[in-house]
């Protein structure tokens, strides 16, 4: 409510939002990710990196993505 001081629950959610990467709080569980250590996008915001991962996480996992690229036979 407006005009009330934030309680411990709100402060905990705020701390998670500031420290974590993307997260989705659902009714019975929260899905959380680390912040990526590298993220490459095009000028229009699409994931893209030529010859290297477009997203890299601190544990070394990564995602390859080349914007506007079609697979064989398309």
N, C-alpha and C. Protein backbone atom coordinates (compact mmCIF):
# COMPACT_ATOMS: atom_id res chain seq x y z
N UNK A 1 0.83 -1.17 0.00
CA UNK A 1 0.00 0.00 0.00
C UNK A 1 0.88 1.24 0.00
N UNK A 2 0.37 2.26 -0.60
CA UNK A 2 1.09 3.51 -0.60
C UNK A 2 1.14 4.09 0.80
N UNK A 3 2.25 4.68 1.14
CA UNK A 3 2.38 5.31 2.44
C UNK A 3 2.80 4.38 3.56
N UNK A 4 3.07 3.11 3.25
CA UNK A 4 3.52 2.19 4.29
C UNK A 4 4.98 1.82 4.03
N UNK A 5 5.69 1.51 5.07
CA UNK A 5 7.09 1.12 4.94
C UNK A 5 7.18 -0.31 4.40
N UNK A 6 8.14 -0.58 3.52
CA UNK A 6 8.30 -1.94 3.00
C UNK A 6 8.69 -2.90 4.11
N UNK A 7 8.13 -4.07 4.07
CA UNK A 7 8.43 -5.10 5.07
C UNK A 7 9.54 -6.02 4.60
N UNK A 8 9.91 -6.99 5.41
CA UNK A 8 10.99 -7.91 5.07
C UNK A 8 10.73 -8.71 3.79
N UNK A 9 9.48 -9.06 3.52
CA UNK A 9 9.16 -9.82 2.30
C UNK A 9 9.48 -8.98 1.07
N UNK A 10 9.05 -7.74 1.06
CA UNK A 10 9.33 -6.86 -0.07
C UNK A 10 10.83 -6.64 -0.22
N UNK A 11 11.52 -6.44 0.90
CA UNK A 11 12.96 -6.22 0.84
C UNK A 11 13.69 -7.44 0.28
N UNK A 12 13.24 -8.65 0.63
CA UNK A 12 13.83 -9.86 0.08
C UNK A 12 13.63 -9.96 -1.42
N UNK A 13 12.43 -9.65 -1.90
CA UNK A 13 12.15 -9.66 -3.34
C UNK A 13 13.00 -8.61 -4.05
N UNK A 14 13.14 -7.46 -3.45
CA UNK A 14 13.97 -6.40 -4.05
C UNK A 14 15.42 -6.85 -4.15
N UNK A 15 15.95 -7.47 -3.10
CA UNK A 15 17.34 -7.94 -3.11
C UNK A 15 17.56 -8.98 -4.20
N UNK A 16 16.61 -9.90 -4.37
CA UNK A 16 16.72 -10.90 -5.43
C UNK A 16 16.69 -10.23 -6.79
N UNK A 17 15.78 -9.30 -6.99
CA UNK A 17 15.65 -8.62 -8.29
C UNK A 17 16.93 -7.87 -8.64
N UNK A 18 17.60 -7.30 -7.66
CA UNK A 18 18.83 -6.55 -7.93
C UNK A 18 20.04 -7.46 -8.14
N UNK A 19 20.06 -8.64 -7.53
CA UNK A 19 21.23 -9.51 -7.59
C UNK A 19 21.14 -10.59 -8.66
N UNK A 20 19.95 -11.07 -8.95
CA UNK A 20 19.79 -12.20 -9.88
C UNK A 20 19.64 -11.72 -11.31
N UNK A 21 19.67 -12.68 -12.20
CA UNK A 21 19.35 -12.40 -13.58
C UNK A 21 17.84 -12.47 -13.74
N UNK A 22 17.38 -12.85 -14.92
CA UNK A 22 15.93 -12.95 -15.12
C UNK A 22 15.31 -13.94 -14.13
N UNK A 23 14.12 -13.60 -13.64
CA UNK A 23 13.41 -14.53 -12.78
C UNK A 23 11.92 -14.34 -12.94
N UNK A 24 11.19 -15.45 -12.72
CA UNK A 24 9.75 -15.46 -12.91
C UNK A 24 9.11 -16.02 -11.65
N UNK A 25 8.51 -15.18 -10.82
CA UNK A 25 7.83 -15.69 -9.63
C UNK A 25 6.46 -16.23 -10.02
N UNK A 26 6.22 -17.50 -9.74
CA UNK A 26 4.94 -18.13 -10.02
C UNK A 26 4.23 -18.39 -8.70
N UNK A 27 3.05 -18.96 -8.73
CA UNK A 27 2.28 -19.12 -7.50
C UNK A 27 2.92 -20.08 -6.51
N UNK A 28 3.61 -21.13 -6.99
CA UNK A 28 4.18 -22.11 -6.07
C UNK A 28 5.69 -22.28 -6.19
N UNK A 29 6.31 -21.60 -7.14
CA UNK A 29 7.75 -21.75 -7.37
C UNK A 29 8.28 -20.50 -8.07
N UNK A 30 9.56 -20.27 -7.96
CA UNK A 30 10.19 -19.17 -8.71
C UNK A 30 11.29 -19.77 -9.59
N UNK A 31 11.31 -19.38 -10.85
CA UNK A 31 12.35 -19.82 -11.78
C UNK A 31 13.37 -18.69 -11.85
N UNK A 32 14.65 -19.01 -11.58
CA UNK A 32 15.68 -17.98 -11.53
C UNK A 32 16.87 -18.37 -12.38
N UNK A 33 17.55 -17.38 -12.91
CA UNK A 33 18.76 -17.59 -13.71
C UNK A 33 19.85 -16.65 -13.21
N UNK A 34 21.10 -17.05 -13.44
CA UNK A 34 22.21 -16.14 -13.18
C UNK A 34 22.20 -15.06 -14.25
N UNK A 35 22.79 -13.92 -13.94
CA UNK A 35 22.98 -12.90 -14.97
C UNK A 35 24.02 -13.42 -15.96
N UNK A 36 23.82 -13.19 -17.26
CA UNK A 36 24.84 -13.61 -18.22
C UNK A 36 26.12 -12.79 -18.01
N UNK A 37 27.26 -13.42 -18.28
CA UNK A 37 28.53 -12.69 -18.21
C UNK A 37 28.84 -12.02 -19.55
N UNK A 38 28.19 -12.48 -20.62
CA UNK A 38 28.32 -11.85 -21.94
C UNK A 38 26.99 -11.97 -22.67
N UNK A 39 26.60 -10.92 -23.36
CA UNK A 39 25.34 -10.90 -24.09
C UNK A 39 25.54 -10.03 -25.32
N UNK A 40 25.36 -10.62 -26.50
CA UNK A 40 25.56 -9.90 -27.75
C UNK A 40 24.24 -9.81 -28.52
N UNK A 41 23.85 -8.61 -28.89
CA UNK A 41 22.60 -8.39 -29.64
C UNK A 41 22.85 -7.45 -30.81
N UNK A 42 21.91 -7.47 -31.76
CA UNK A 42 21.96 -6.56 -32.90
C UNK A 42 21.43 -5.19 -32.47
N UNK A 43 21.51 -4.22 -33.35
CA UNK A 43 20.99 -2.88 -33.04
C UNK A 43 19.50 -2.88 -32.71
N UNK A 44 18.77 -3.85 -33.27
CA UNK A 44 17.33 -3.91 -32.98
C UNK A 44 17.00 -4.88 -31.84
N UNK A 45 18.02 -5.32 -31.07
CA UNK A 45 17.80 -6.09 -29.86
C UNK A 45 17.70 -7.60 -30.02
N UNK A 46 18.01 -8.13 -31.21
CA UNK A 46 17.96 -9.58 -31.41
C UNK A 46 19.28 -10.22 -31.00
N UNK A 47 19.21 -11.40 -30.37
CA UNK A 47 20.43 -12.12 -30.05
C UNK A 47 21.19 -12.42 -31.32
N UNK A 48 22.51 -12.16 -31.32
CA UNK A 48 23.30 -12.40 -32.51
C UNK A 48 24.79 -12.34 -32.18
N UNK A 49 25.54 -13.33 -32.67
CA UNK A 49 27.00 -13.32 -32.59
C UNK A 49 27.54 -14.23 -33.68
N UNK A 50 28.40 -13.72 -34.51
CA UNK A 50 29.01 -14.53 -35.58
C UNK A 50 30.18 -15.32 -35.03
N UNK A 51 30.09 -16.66 -35.11
CA UNK A 51 31.19 -17.52 -34.74
C UNK A 51 31.49 -17.64 -33.25
N UNK A 52 30.62 -17.14 -32.41
CA UNK A 52 30.80 -17.26 -30.97
C UNK A 52 29.43 -17.25 -30.31
N UNK A 53 29.35 -17.66 -29.04
CA UNK A 53 28.05 -17.65 -28.35
C UNK A 53 27.48 -16.24 -28.23
N UNK A 54 26.17 -16.12 -28.38
CA UNK A 54 25.50 -14.83 -28.20
C UNK A 54 25.24 -14.55 -26.72
N UNK A 55 25.13 -15.60 -25.91
CA UNK A 55 24.95 -15.45 -24.46
C UNK A 55 25.89 -16.45 -23.78
N UNK A 56 26.61 -15.97 -22.76
CA UNK A 56 27.48 -16.83 -21.96
C UNK A 56 27.16 -16.57 -20.49
N UNK A 57 27.00 -17.66 -19.72
CA UNK A 57 26.74 -17.53 -18.30
C UNK A 57 28.02 -17.83 -17.52
N UNK A 58 28.10 -17.39 -16.27
CA UNK A 58 29.32 -17.57 -15.48
C UNK A 58 29.81 -19.02 -15.36
N UNK A 59 28.91 -19.99 -15.44
CA UNK A 59 29.33 -21.40 -15.32
C UNK A 59 29.87 -21.95 -16.64
N UNK A 60 29.92 -21.13 -17.70
CA UNK A 60 30.44 -21.56 -18.98
C UNK A 60 29.37 -22.03 -19.96
N UNK A 61 28.15 -22.25 -19.51
CA UNK A 61 27.10 -22.61 -20.45
C UNK A 61 26.83 -21.43 -21.38
N UNK A 62 26.34 -21.73 -22.57
CA UNK A 62 26.19 -20.67 -23.56
C UNK A 62 25.06 -20.98 -24.53
N UNK A 63 24.69 -19.97 -25.29
CA UNK A 63 23.65 -20.08 -26.30
C UNK A 63 24.17 -19.47 -27.59
N UNK A 64 24.10 -20.25 -28.67
CA UNK A 64 24.49 -19.75 -29.98
C UNK A 64 23.28 -19.16 -30.67
N UNK A 65 23.44 -18.02 -31.33
CA UNK A 65 22.33 -17.43 -32.05
C UNK A 65 22.86 -16.49 -33.11
N UNK A 66 22.34 -16.66 -34.33
CA UNK A 66 22.67 -15.76 -35.42
C UNK A 66 21.35 -15.24 -35.95
N UNK A 67 21.10 -13.94 -35.80
CA UNK A 67 19.83 -13.34 -36.21
C UNK A 67 19.63 -13.47 -37.71
N UNK A 68 18.40 -13.68 -38.09
CA UNK A 68 17.97 -13.74 -39.48
C UNK A 68 18.62 -14.89 -40.28
N UNK A 69 19.09 -15.91 -39.59
CA UNK A 69 19.71 -17.04 -40.26
C UNK A 69 18.70 -18.16 -40.40
N UNK A 70 18.58 -18.72 -41.59
CA UNK A 70 17.66 -19.84 -41.80
C UNK A 70 18.44 -21.12 -41.94
N UNK A 71 17.83 -22.20 -41.52
CA UNK A 71 18.49 -23.51 -41.60
C UNK A 71 18.50 -24.03 -43.03
N UNK A 72 19.19 -25.14 -43.26
CA UNK A 72 19.30 -25.73 -44.60
C UNK A 72 17.91 -26.06 -45.18
N UNK A 73 17.75 -25.80 -46.45
CA UNK A 73 16.52 -26.15 -47.14
C UNK A 73 15.36 -25.21 -46.92
N UNK A 74 15.58 -24.07 -46.32
CA UNK A 74 14.47 -23.13 -46.07
C UNK A 74 14.63 -21.88 -46.90
